[in-house]
Amino acid sequence: GSARQDEVMARVWPTLKKTAIDYAV
């Protein structure tokens, strides 16, 4: 919701681990 939203999403999202909510939580 801030002016940094798109920049942070583009930078951080590709680095996130792929896993299912069943295993993670």
mmCIF file of all heavy atoms, coordinates in Angstrom:
data_MODEL
# 
_entry.id   MODEL 
# 
loop_
_atom_site.group_PDB 
_atom_site.id 
_atom_site.type_symbol 
_atom_site.label_atom_id 
_atom_site.label_alt_id 
_atom_site.label_comp_id 
_atom_site.label_asym_id 
_atom_site.label_entity_id 
_atom_site.label_seq_id 
_atom_site.pdbx_PDB_ins_code 
_atom_site.Cartn_x 
_atom_site.Cartn_y 
_atom_site.Cartn_z 
_atom_site.occupancy 
_atom_site.B_iso_or_equiv 
_atom_site.pdbx_formal_charge 
_atom_site.auth_seq_id 
_atom_site.auth_comp_id 
_atom_site.auth_asym_id 
_atom_site.auth_atom_id 
_atom_site.pdbx_PDB_model_num 
ATOM 1   N N   . GLY A 1 1  ? 0.799  -1.221  0.000  1.00 0.00 ? 1  GLY A N   1 
ATOM 2   C CA  . GLY A 1 1  ? 0.000  0.000   0.000  1.00 0.00 ? 1  GLY A CA  1 
ATOM 3   C C   . GLY A 1 1  ? 0.829  1.267   0.000  1.00 0.00 ? 1  GLY A C   1 
ATOM 4   O O   . GLY A 1 1  ? 0.273  2.363   -0.051 1.00 0.00 ? 1  GLY A O   1 
ATOM 5   N N   . SER A 1 2  ? 2.160  1.129   0.028  1.00 0.00 ? 2  SER A N   1 
ATOM 6   C CA  . SER A 1 2  ? 3.038  2.302   0.014  1.00 0.00 ? 2  SER A CA  1 
ATOM 7   C C   . SER A 1 2  ? 3.650  2.472   -1.375 1.00 0.00 ? 2  SER A C   1 
ATOM 8   O O   . SER A 1 2  ? 3.467  1.639   -2.265 1.00 0.00 ? 2  SER A O   1 
ATOM 9   C CB  . SER A 1 2  ? 4.157  2.142   1.051  1.00 0.00 ? 2  SER A CB  1 
ATOM 10  O OG  . SER A 1 2  ? 5.136  1.209   0.589  1.00 0.00 ? 2  SER A OG  1 
ATOM 11  N N   . ALA A 1 3  ? 4.423  3.528   -1.548 1.00 0.00 ? 3  ALA A N   1 
ATOM 12  C CA  . ALA A 1 3  ? 5.095  3.773   -2.829 1.00 0.00 ? 3  ALA A CA  1 
ATOM 13  C C   . ALA A 1 3  ? 6.159  2.722   -3.107 1.00 0.00 ? 3  ALA A C   1 
ATOM 14  O O   . ALA A 1 3  ? 6.584  2.557   -4.260 1.00 0.00 ? 3  ALA A O   1 
ATOM 15  C CB  . ALA A 1 3  ? 5.722  5.174   -2.822 1.00 0.00 ? 3  ALA A CB  1 
ATOM 16  N N   . ARG A 1 4  ? 6.567  1.980   -2.096 1.00 0.00 ? 4  ARG A N   1 
ATOM 17  C CA  . ARG A 1 4  ? 7.628  0.964   -2.251 1.00 0.00 ? 4  ARG A CA  1 
ATOM 18  C C   . ARG A 1 4  ? 7.066  -0.417  -2.576 1.00 0.00 ? 4  ARG A C   1 
ATOM 19  O O   . ARG A 1 4  ? 7.828  -1.366  -2.766 1.00 0.00 ? 4  ARG A O   1 
ATOM 20  C CB  . ARG A 1 4  ? 8.463  0.892   -0.967 1.00 0.00 ? 4  ARG A CB  1 
ATOM 21  C CG  . ARG A 1 4  ? 9.178  2.171   -0.602 1.00 0.00 ? 4  ARG A CG  1 
ATOM 22  C CD  . ARG A 1 4  ? 9.957  2.027   0.700  1.00 0.00 ? 4  ARG A CD  1 
ATOM 23  N NE  . ARG A 1 4  ? 10.886 0.909   0.655  1.00 0.00 ? 4  ARG A NE  1 
ATOM 24  C CZ  . ARG A 1 4  ? 10.802 -0.179  1.435  1.00 0.00 ? 4  ARG A CZ  1 
ATOM 25  N NH1 . ARG A 1 4  ? 9.797  -0.291  2.314  1.00 0.00 ? 4  ARG A NH1 1 
ATOM 26  N NH2 . ARG A 1 4  ? 11.699 -1.137  1.347  1.00 0.00 ? 4  ARG A NH2 1 
ATOM 27  N N   . GLN A 1 5  ? 5.743  -0.564  -2.607 1.00 0.00 ? 5  GLN A N   1 
ATOM 28  C CA  . GLN A 1 5  ? 5.135  -1.896  -2.766 1.00 0.00 ? 5  GLN A CA  1 
ATOM 29  C C   . GLN A 1 5  ? 5.682  -2.661  -3.965 1.00 0.00 ? 5  GLN A C   1 
ATOM 30  O O   . GLN A 1 5  ? 6.126  -3.806  -3.830 1.00 0.00 ? 5  GLN A O   1 
ATOM 31  C CB  . GLN A 1 5  ? 3.617  -1.765  -2.880 1.00 0.00 ? 5  GLN A CB  1 
ATOM 32  C CG  . GLN A 1 5  ? 2.912  -3.088  -3.173 1.00 0.00 ? 5  GLN A CG  1 
ATOM 33  C CD  . GLN A 1 5  ? 1.406  -2.929  -3.311 1.00 0.00 ? 5  GLN A CD  1 
ATOM 34  O OE1 . GLN A 1 5  ? 0.774  -2.226  -2.531 1.00 0.00 ? 5  GLN A OE1 1 
ATOM 35  N NE2 . GLN A 1 5  ? 0.821  -3.573  -4.304 1.00 0.00 ? 5  GLN A NE2 1 
ATOM 36  N N   . ASP A 1 6  ? 5.646  -2.061  -5.137 1.00 0.00 ? 6  ASP A N   1 
ATOM 37  C CA  . ASP A 1 6  ? 6.041  -2.775  -6.354 1.00 0.00 ? 6  ASP A CA  1 
ATOM 38  C C   . ASP A 1 6  ? 7.520  -3.130  -6.331 1.00 0.00 ? 6  ASP A C   1 
ATOM 39  O O   . ASP A 1 6  ? 7.915  -4.229  -6.751 1.00 0.00 ? 6  ASP A O   1 
ATOM 40  C CB  . ASP A 1 6  ? 5.719  -1.930  -7.588 1.00 0.00 ? 6  ASP A CB  1 
ATOM 41  C CG  . ASP A 1 6  ? 4.220  -1.773  -7.806 1.00 0.00 ? 6  ASP A CG  1 
ATOM 42  O OD1 . ASP A 1 6  ? 3.446  -2.548  -7.189 1.00 0.00 ? 6  ASP A OD1 1 
ATOM 43  O OD2 . ASP A 1 6  ? 3.818  -0.891  -8.583 1.00 0.00 ? 6  ASP A OD2 1 
ATOM 44  N N   . GLU A 1 7  ? 8.347  -2.206  -5.848 1.00 0.00 ? 7  GLU A N   1 
ATOM 45  C CA  . GLU A 1 7  ? 9.785  -2.455  -5.816 1.00 0.00 ? 7  GLU A CA  1 
ATOM 46  C C   . GLU A 1 7  ? 10.115 -3.608  -4.873 1.00 0.00 ? 7  GLU A C   1 
ATOM 47  O O   . GLU A 1 7  ? 10.897 -4.507  -5.210 1.00 0.00 ? 7  GLU A O   1 
ATOM 48  C CB  . GLU A 1 7  ? 10.509 -1.177  -5.374 1.00 0.00 ? 7  GLU A CB  1 
ATOM 49  C CG  . GLU A 1 7  ? 12.024 -1.354  -5.223 1.00 0.00 ? 7  GLU A CG  1 
ATOM 50  C CD  . GLU A 1 7  ? 12.460 -1.792  -3.819 1.00 0.00 ? 7  GLU A CD  1 
ATOM 51  O OE1 . GLU A 1 7  ? 11.905 -1.251  -2.840 1.00 0.00 ? 7  GLU A OE1 1 
ATOM 52  O OE2 . GLU A 1 7  ? 13.329 -2.694  -3.713 1.00 0.00 ? 7  GLU A OE2 1 
ATOM 53  N N   . VAL A 1 8  ? 9.506  -3.604  -3.687 1.00 0.00 ? 8  VAL A N   1 
ATOM 54  C CA  . VAL A 1 8  ? 9.781  -4.657  -2.706 1.00 0.00 ? 8  VAL A CA  1 
ATOM 55  C C   . VAL A 1 8  ? 9.252  -5.999  -3.204 1.00 0.00 ? 8  VAL A C   1 
ATOM 56  O O   . VAL A 1 8  ? 9.929  -7.035  -3.088 1.00 0.00 ? 8  VAL A O   1 
ATOM 57  C CB  . VAL A 1 8  ? 9.173  -4.306  -1.335 1.00 0.00 ? 8  VAL A CB  1 
ATOM 58  C CG1 . VAL A 1 8  ? 9.322  -5.466  -0.357 1.00 0.00 ? 8  VAL A CG1 1 
ATOM 59  C CG2 . VAL A 1 8  ? 9.831  -3.053  -0.764 1.00 0.00 ? 8  VAL A CG2 1 
ATOM 60  N N   . MET A 1 9  ? 8.050  -6.013  -3.780 1.00 0.00 ? 9  MET A N   1 
ATOM 61  C CA  . MET A 1 9  ? 7.483  -7.255  -4.312 1.00 0.00 ? 9  MET A CA  1 
ATOM 62  C C   . MET A 1 9  ? 8.388  -7.832  -5.401 1.00 0.00 ? 9  MET A C   1 
ATOM 63  O O   . MET A 1 9  ? 8.696  -9.037  -5.393 1.00 0.00 ? 9  MET A O   1 
ATOM 64  C CB  . MET A 1 9  ? 6.082  -6.978  -4.868 1.00 0.00 ? 9  MET A CB  1 
ATOM 65  C CG  . MET A 1 9  ? 5.344  -8.222  -5.344 1.00 0.00 ? 9  MET A CG  1 
ATOM 66  S SD  . MET A 1 9  ? 4.919  -9.320  -3.973 1.00 0.00 ? 9  MET A SD  1 
ATOM 67  C CE  . MET A 1 9  ? 3.386  -10.037 -4.558 1.00 0.00 ? 9  MET A CE  1 
ATOM 68  N N   . ALA A 1 10 ? 8.833  -7.003  -6.324 1.00 0.00 ? 10 ALA A N   1 
ATOM 69  C CA  . ALA A 1 10 ? 9.678  -7.475  -7.434 1.00 0.00 ? 10 ALA A CA  1 
ATOM 70  C C   . ALA A 1 10 ? 11.019 -8.000  -6.935 1.00 0.00 ? 10 ALA A C   1 
ATOM 71  O O   . ALA A 1 10 ? 11.578 -8.949  -7.503 1.00 0.00 ? 10 ALA A O   1 
ATOM 72  C CB  . ALA A 1 10 ? 9.892  -6.343  -8.429 1.00 0.00 ? 10 ALA A CB  1 
ATOM 73  N N   . ARG A 1 11 ? 11.539 -7.419  -5.860 1.00 0.00 ? 11 ARG A N   1 
ATOM 74  C CA  . ARG A 1 11 ? 12.838 -7.839  -5.338 1.00 0.00 ? 11 ARG A CA  1 
ATOM 75  C C   . ARG A 1 11 ? 12.743 -9.083  -4.466 1.00 0.00 ? 11 ARG A C   1 
ATOM 76  O O   . ARG A 1 11 ? 13.572 -10.001 -4.571 1.00 0.00 ? 11 ARG A O   1 
ATOM 77  C CB  . ARG A 1 11 ? 13.456 -6.680  -4.549 1.00 0.00 ? 11 ARG A CB  1 
ATOM 78  C CG  . ARG A 1 11 ? 14.752 -7.037  -3.819 1.00 0.00 ? 11 ARG A CG  1 
ATOM 79  C CD  . ARG A 1 11 ? 15.415 -5.812  -3.225 1.00 0.00 ? 11 ARG A CD  1 
ATOM 80  N NE  . ARG A 1 11 ? 14.511 -5.010  -2.412 1.00 0.00 ? 11 ARG A NE  1 
ATOM 81  C CZ  . ARG A 1 11 ? 14.200 -5.281  -1.135 1.00 0.00 ? 11 ARG A CZ  1 
ATOM 82  N NH1 . ARG A 1 11 ? 14.710 -6.363  -0.533 1.00 0.00 ? 11 ARG A NH1 1 
ATOM 83  N NH2 . ARG A 1 11 ? 13.385 -4.497  -0.454 1.00 0.00 ? 11 ARG A NH2 1 
ATOM 84  N N   . VAL A 1 12 ? 11.723 -9.154  -3.610 1.00 0.00 ? 12 VAL A N   1 
ATOM 85  C CA  . VAL A 1 12 ? 11.662 -10.216 -2.609 1.00 0.00 ? 12 VAL A CA  1 
ATOM 86  C C   . VAL A 1 12 ? 10.959 -11.471 -3.119 1.00 0.00 ? 12 VAL A C   1 
ATOM 87  O O   . VAL A 1 12 ? 11.408 -12.604 -2.856 1.00 0.00 ? 12 VAL A O   1 
ATOM 88  C CB  . VAL A 1 12 ? 10.962 -9.705  -1.328 1.00 0.00 ? 12 VAL A CB  1 
ATOM 89  C CG1 . VAL A 1 12 ? 10.801 -10.835 -0.314 1.00 0.00 ? 12 VAL A CG1 1 
ATOM 90  C CG2 . VAL A 1 12 ? 11.741 -8.552  -0.723 1.00 0.00 ? 12 VAL A CG2 1 
ATOM 91  N N   . TRP A 1 13 ? 9.851  -11.323 -3.840 1.00 0.00 ? 13 TRP A N   1 
ATOM 92  C CA  . TRP A 1 13 ? 9.040  -12.470 -4.229 1.00 0.00 ? 13 TRP A CA  1 
ATOM 93  C C   . TRP A 1 13 ? 9.834  -13.575 -4.936 1.00 0.00 ? 13 TRP A C   1 
ATOM 94  O O   . TRP A 1 13 ? 9.678  -14.765 -4.602 1.00 0.00 ? 13 TRP A O   1 
ATOM 95  C CB  . TRP A 1 13 ? 7.850  -12.023 -5.081 1.00 0.00 ? 13 TRP A CB  1 
ATOM 96  C CG  . TRP A 1 13 ? 6.842  -13.108 -5.327 1.00 0.00 ? 13 TRP A CG  1 
ATOM 97  C CD1 . TRP A 1 13 ? 6.724  -13.895 -6.451 1.00 0.00 ? 13 TRP A CD1 1 
ATOM 98  C CD2 . TRP A 1 13 ? 5.802  -13.552 -4.438 1.00 0.00 ? 13 TRP A CD2 1 
ATOM 99  N NE1 . TRP A 1 13 ? 5.690  -14.784 -6.319 1.00 0.00 ? 13 TRP A NE1 1 
ATOM 100 C CE2 . TRP A 1 13 ? 5.110  -14.596 -5.097 1.00 0.00 ? 13 TRP A CE2 1 
ATOM 101 C CE3 . TRP A 1 13 ? 5.395  -13.159 -3.160 1.00 0.00 ? 13 TRP A CE3 1 
ATOM 102 C CZ2 . TRP A 1 13 ? 4.023  -15.252 -4.511 1.00 0.00 ? 13 TRP A CZ2 1 
ATOM 103 C CZ3 . TRP A 1 13 ? 4.317  -13.823 -2.582 1.00 0.00 ? 13 TRP A CZ3 1 
ATOM 104 C CH2 . TRP A 1 13 ? 3.646  -14.846 -3.247 1.00 0.00 ? 13 TRP A CH2 1 
ATOM 105 N N   . PRO A 1 14 ? 10.710 -13.249 -5.914 1.00 0.00 ? 14 PRO A N   1 
ATOM 106 C CA  . PRO A 1 14 ? 11.452 -14.320 -6.602 1.00 0.00 ? 14 PRO A CA  1 
ATOM 107 C C   . PRO A 1 14 ? 12.359 -15.129 -5.688 1.00 0.00 ? 14 PRO A C   1 
ATOM 108 O O   . PRO A 1 14 ? 12.744 -16.253 -6.031 1.00 0.00 ? 14 PRO A O   1 
ATOM 109 C CB  . PRO A 1 14 ? 12.275 -13.559 -7.654 1.00 0.00 ? 14 PRO A CB  1 
ATOM 110 C CG  . PRO A 1 14 ? 11.547 -12.278 -7.866 1.00 0.00 ? 14 PRO A CG  1 
ATOM 111 C CD  . PRO A 1 14 ? 10.996 -11.929 -6.520 1.00 0.00 ? 14 PRO A CD  1 
ATOM 112 N N   . THR A 1 15 ? 12.714 -14.583 -4.527 1.00 0.00 ? 15 THR A N   1 
ATOM 113 C CA  . THR A 1 15 ? 13.629 -15.283 -3.617 1.00 0.00 ? 15 THR A CA  1 
ATOM 114 C C   . THR A 1 15 ? 12.904 -16.239 -2.669 1.00 0.00 ? 15 THR A C   1 
ATOM 115 O O   . THR A 1 15 ? 13.552 -17.005 -1.956 1.00 0.00 ? 15 THR A O   1 
ATOM 116 C CB  . THR A 1 15 ? 14.417 -14.274 -2.762 1.00 0.00 ? 15 THR A CB  1 
ATOM 117 O OG1 . THR A 1 15 ? 13.526 -13.645 -1.815 1.00 0.00 ? 15 THR A OG1 1 
ATOM 118 C CG2 . THR A 1 15 ? 15.048 -13.198 -3.637 1.00 0.00 ? 15 THR A CG2 1 
ATOM 119 N N   . LEU A 1 16 ? 11.569 -16.201 -2.648 1.00 0.00 ? 16 LEU A N   1 
ATOM 120 C CA  . LEU A 1 16 ? 10.820 -16.969 -1.661 1.00 0.00 ? 16 LEU A CA  1 
ATOM 121 C C   . LEU A 1 16 ? 10.791 -18.460 -2.003 1.00 0.00 ? 16 LEU A C   1 
ATOM 122 O O   . LEU A 1 16 ? 10.731 -18.857 -3.173 1.00 0.00 ? 16 LEU A O   1 
ATOM 123 C CB  . LEU A 1 16 ? 9.389  -16.441 -1.559 1.00 0.00 ? 16 LEU A CB  1 
ATOM 124 C CG  . LEU A 1 16 ? 9.233  -14.984 -1.128 1.00 0.00 ? 16 LEU A CG  1 
ATOM 125 C CD1 . LEU A 1 16 ? 7.761  -14.603 -1.084 1.00 0.00 ? 16 LEU A CD1 1 
ATOM 126 C CD2 . LEU A 1 16 ? 9.892  -14.740 0.224  1.00 0.00 ? 16 LEU A CD2 1 
ATOM 127 N N   . LYS A 1 17 ? 10.786 -19.270 -0.971 1.00 0.00 ? 17 LYS A N   1 
ATOM 128 C CA  . LYS A 1 17 ? 10.749 -20.721 -1.120 1.00 0.00 ? 17 LYS A CA  1 
ATOM 129 C C   . LYS A 1 17 ? 9.382  -21.184 -1.611 1.00 0.00 ? 17 LYS A C   1 
ATOM 130 O O   . LYS A 1 17 ? 8.345  -20.665 -1.185 1.00 0.00 ? 17 LYS A O   1 
ATOM 131 C CB  . LYS A 1 17 ? 11.059 -21.374 0.231  1.00 0.00 ? 17 LYS A CB  1 
ATOM 132 C CG  . LYS A 1 17 ? 11.038 -22.887 0.216  1.00 0.00 ? 17 LYS A CG  1 
ATOM 133 C CD  . LYS A 1 17 ? 11.361 -23.447 1.607  1.00 0.00 ? 17 LYS A CD  1 
ATOM 134 C CE  . LYS A 1 17 ? 11.335 -24.967 1.633  1.00 0.00 ? 17 LYS A CE  1 
ATOM 135 N NZ  . LYS A 1 17 ? 11.677 -25.498 2.984  1.00 0.00 ? 17 LYS A NZ  1 
ATOM 136 N N   . LYS A 1 18 ? 9.382  -22.166 -2.503 1.00 0.00 ? 18 LYS A N   1 
ATOM 137 C CA  . LYS A 1 18 ? 8.141  -22.793 -2.951 1.00 0.00 ? 18 LYS A CA  1 
ATOM 138 C C   . LYS A 1 18 ? 7.815  -23.963 -2.028 1.00 0.00 ? 18 LYS A C   1 
ATOM 139 O O   . LYS A 1 18 ? 8.570  -24.943 -1.973 1.00 0.00 ? 18 LYS A O   1 
ATOM 140 C CB  . LYS A 1 18 ? 8.274  -23.318 -4.383 1.00 0.00 ? 18 LYS A CB  1 
ATOM 141 C CG  . LYS A 1 18 ? 8.131  -22.281 -5.472 1.00 0.00 ? 18 LYS A CG  1 
ATOM 142 C CD  . LYS A 1 18 ? 8.082  -22.967 -6.838 1.00 0.00 ? 18 LYS A CD  1 
ATOM 143 C CE  . LYS A 1 18 ? 7.818  -21.956 -7.943 1.00 0.00 ? 18 LYS A CE  1 
ATOM 144 N NZ  . LYS A 1 18 ? 7.705  -22.625 -9.271 1.00 0.00 ? 18 LYS A NZ  1 
ATOM 145 N N   . THR A 1 19 ? 6.720  -23.862 -1.318 1.00 0.00 ? 19 THR A N   1 
ATOM 146 C CA  . THR A 1 19 ? 6.280  -24.963 -0.458 1.00 0.00 ? 19 THR A CA  1 
ATOM 147 C C   . THR A 1 19 ? 4.787  -24.816 -0.188 1.00 0.00 ? 19 THR A C   1 
ATOM 148 O O   . THR A 1 19 ? 4.230  -23.729 -0.321 1.00 0.00 ? 19 THR A O   1 
ATOM 149 C CB  . THR A 1 19 ? 7.080  -24.989 0.866  1.00 0.00 ? 19 THR A CB  1 
ATOM 150 O OG1 . THR A 1 19 ? 6.715  -26.149 1.613  1.00 0.00 ? 19 THR A OG1 1 
ATOM 151 C CG2 . THR A 1 19 ? 6.796  -23.752 1.706  1.00 0.00 ? 19 THR A CG2 1 
ATOM 152 N N   . ALA A 1 20 ? 4.169  -25.918 0.171  1.00 0.00 ? 20 ALA A N   1 
ATOM 153 C CA  . ALA A 1 20 ? 2.725  -25.904 0.421  1.00 0.00 ? 20 ALA A CA  1 
ATOM 154 C C   . ALA A 1 20 ? 2.433  -25.478 1.852  1.00 0.00 ? 20 ALA A C   1 
ATOM 155 O O   . ALA A 1 20 ? 3.223  -25.719 2.766  1.00 0.00 ? 20 ALA A O   1 
ATOM 156 C CB  . ALA A 1 20 ? 2.137  -27.286 0.159  1.00 0.00 ? 20 ALA A CB  1 
ATOM 157 N N   . ILE A 1 21 ? 1.272  -24.874 2.049  1.00 0.00 ? 21 ILE A N   1 
ATOM 158 C CA  . ILE A 1 21 ? 0.853  -24.439 3.380  1.00 0.00 ? 21 ILE A CA  1 
ATOM 159 C C   . ILE A 1 21 ? 0.706  -25.635 4.322  1.00 0.00 ? 21 ILE A C   1 
ATOM 160 O O   . ILE A 1 21 ? 0.939  -25.520 5.533  1.00 0.00 ? 21 ILE A O   1 
ATOM 161 C CB  . ILE A 1 21 ? -0.476 -23.644 3.307  1.00 0.00 ? 21 ILE A CB  1 
ATOM 162 C CG1 . ILE A 1 21 ? -0.762 -22.904 4.623  1.00 0.00 ? 21 ILE A CG1 1 
ATOM 163 C CG2 . ILE A 1 21 ? -1.643 -24.540 2.915  1.00 0.00 ? 21 ILE A CG2 1 
ATOM 164 C CD1 . ILE A 1 21 ? 0.110  -21.704 4.853  1.00 0.00 ? 21 ILE A CD1 1 
ATOM 165 N N   . ASP A 1 22 ? 0.401  -26.804 3.779  1.00 0.00 ? 22 ASP A N   1 
ATOM 166 C CA  . ASP A 1 22 ? 0.297  -28.010 4.609  1.00 0.00 ? 22 ASP A CA  1 
ATOM 167 C C   . ASP A 1 22 ? 1.620  -28.309 5.305  1.00 0.00 ? 22 ASP A C   1 
ATOM 168 O O   . ASP A 1 22 ? 1.657  -28.614 6.501  1.00 0.00 ? 22 ASP A O   1 
ATOM 169 C CB  . ASP A 1 22 ? -0.099 -29.214 3.746  1.00 0.00 ? 22 ASP A CB  1 
ATOM 170 C CG  . ASP A 1 22 ? -1.408 -28.999 3.019  1.00 0.00 ? 22 ASP A CG  1 
ATOM 171 O OD1 . ASP A 1 22 ? -1.433 -28.170 2.092  1.00 0.00 ? 22 ASP A OD1 1 
ATOM 172 O OD2 . ASP A 1 22 ? -2.406 -29.652 3.374  1.00 0.00 ? 22 ASP A OD2 1 
ATOM 173 N N   . TYR A 1 23 ? 2.726  -28.228 4.546  1.00 0.00 ? 23 TYR A N   1 
ATOM 174 C CA  . TYR A 1 23 ? 4.040  -28.556 5.112  1.00 0.00 ? 23 TYR A CA  1 
ATOM 175 C C   . TYR A 1 23 ? 4.579  -27.420 5.980  1.00 0.00 ? 23 TYR A C   1 
ATOM 176 O O   . TYR A 1 23 ? 5.212  -27.649 7.007  1.00 0.00 ? 23 TYR A O   1 
ATOM 177 C CB  . TYR A 1 23 ? 5.041  -28.850 3.990  1.00 0.00 ? 23 TYR A CB  1 
ATOM 178 C CG  . TYR A 1 23 ? 4.612  -29.956 3.061  1.00 0.00 ? 23 TYR A CG  1 
ATOM 179 C CD1 . TYR A 1 23 ? 4.742  -29.817 1.684  1.00 0.00 ? 23 TYR A CD1 1 
ATOM 180 C CD2 . TYR A 1 23 ? 4.060  -31.133 3.553  1.00 0.00 ? 23 TYR A CD2 1 
ATOM 181 C CE1 . TYR A 1 23 ? 4.342  -30.836 0.821  1.00 0.00 ? 23 TYR A CE1 1 
ATOM 182 C CE2 . TYR A 1 23 ? 3.651  -32.147 2.711  1.00 0.00 ? 23 TYR A CE2 1 
ATOM 183 C CZ  . TYR A 1 23 ? 3.786  -31.997 1.335  1.00 0.00 ? 23 TYR A CZ  1 
ATOM 184 O OH  . TYR A 1 23 ? 3.382  -32.993 0.485  1.00 0.00 ? 23 TYR A OH  1 
ATOM 185 N N   . ALA A 1 24 ? 4.325  -26.174 5.539  1.00 0.00 ? 24 ALA A N   1 
ATOM 186 C CA  . ALA A 1 24 ? 4.908  -25.027 6.229  1.00 0.00 ? 24 ALA A CA  1 
ATOM 187 C C   . ALA A 1 24 ? 4.179  -24.676 7.517  1.00 0.00 ? 24 ALA A C   1 
ATOM 188 O O   . ALA A 1 24 ? 4.789  -24.151 8.451  1.00 0.00 ? 24 ALA A O   1 
ATOM 189 C CB  . ALA A 1 24 ? 4.913  -23.813 5.292  1.00 0.00 ? 24 ALA A CB  1 
ATOM 190 N N   . VAL A 1 25 ? 2.875  -24.973 7.574  1.00 0.00 ? 25 VAL A N   1 
ATOM 191 C CA  . VAL A 1 25 ? 2.082  -24.546 8.735  1.00 0.00 ? 25 VAL A CA  1 
ATOM 192 C C   . VAL A 1 25 ? 1.234  -25.673 9.320  1.00 0.00 ? 25 VAL A C   1 
ATOM 193 O O   . VAL A 1 25 ? 1.343  -26.004 10.507 1.00 0.00 ? 25 VAL A O   1 
ATOM 194 C CB  . VAL A 1 25 ? 1.163  -23.355 8.370  1.00 0.00 ? 25 VAL A CB  1 
ATOM 195 C CG1 . VAL A 1 25 ? 0.216  -23.025 9.523  1.00 0.00 ? 25 VAL A CG1 1 
ATOM 196 C CG2 . VAL A 1 25 ? 1.994  -22.133 8.001  1.00 0.00 ? 25 VAL A CG2 1 
# 
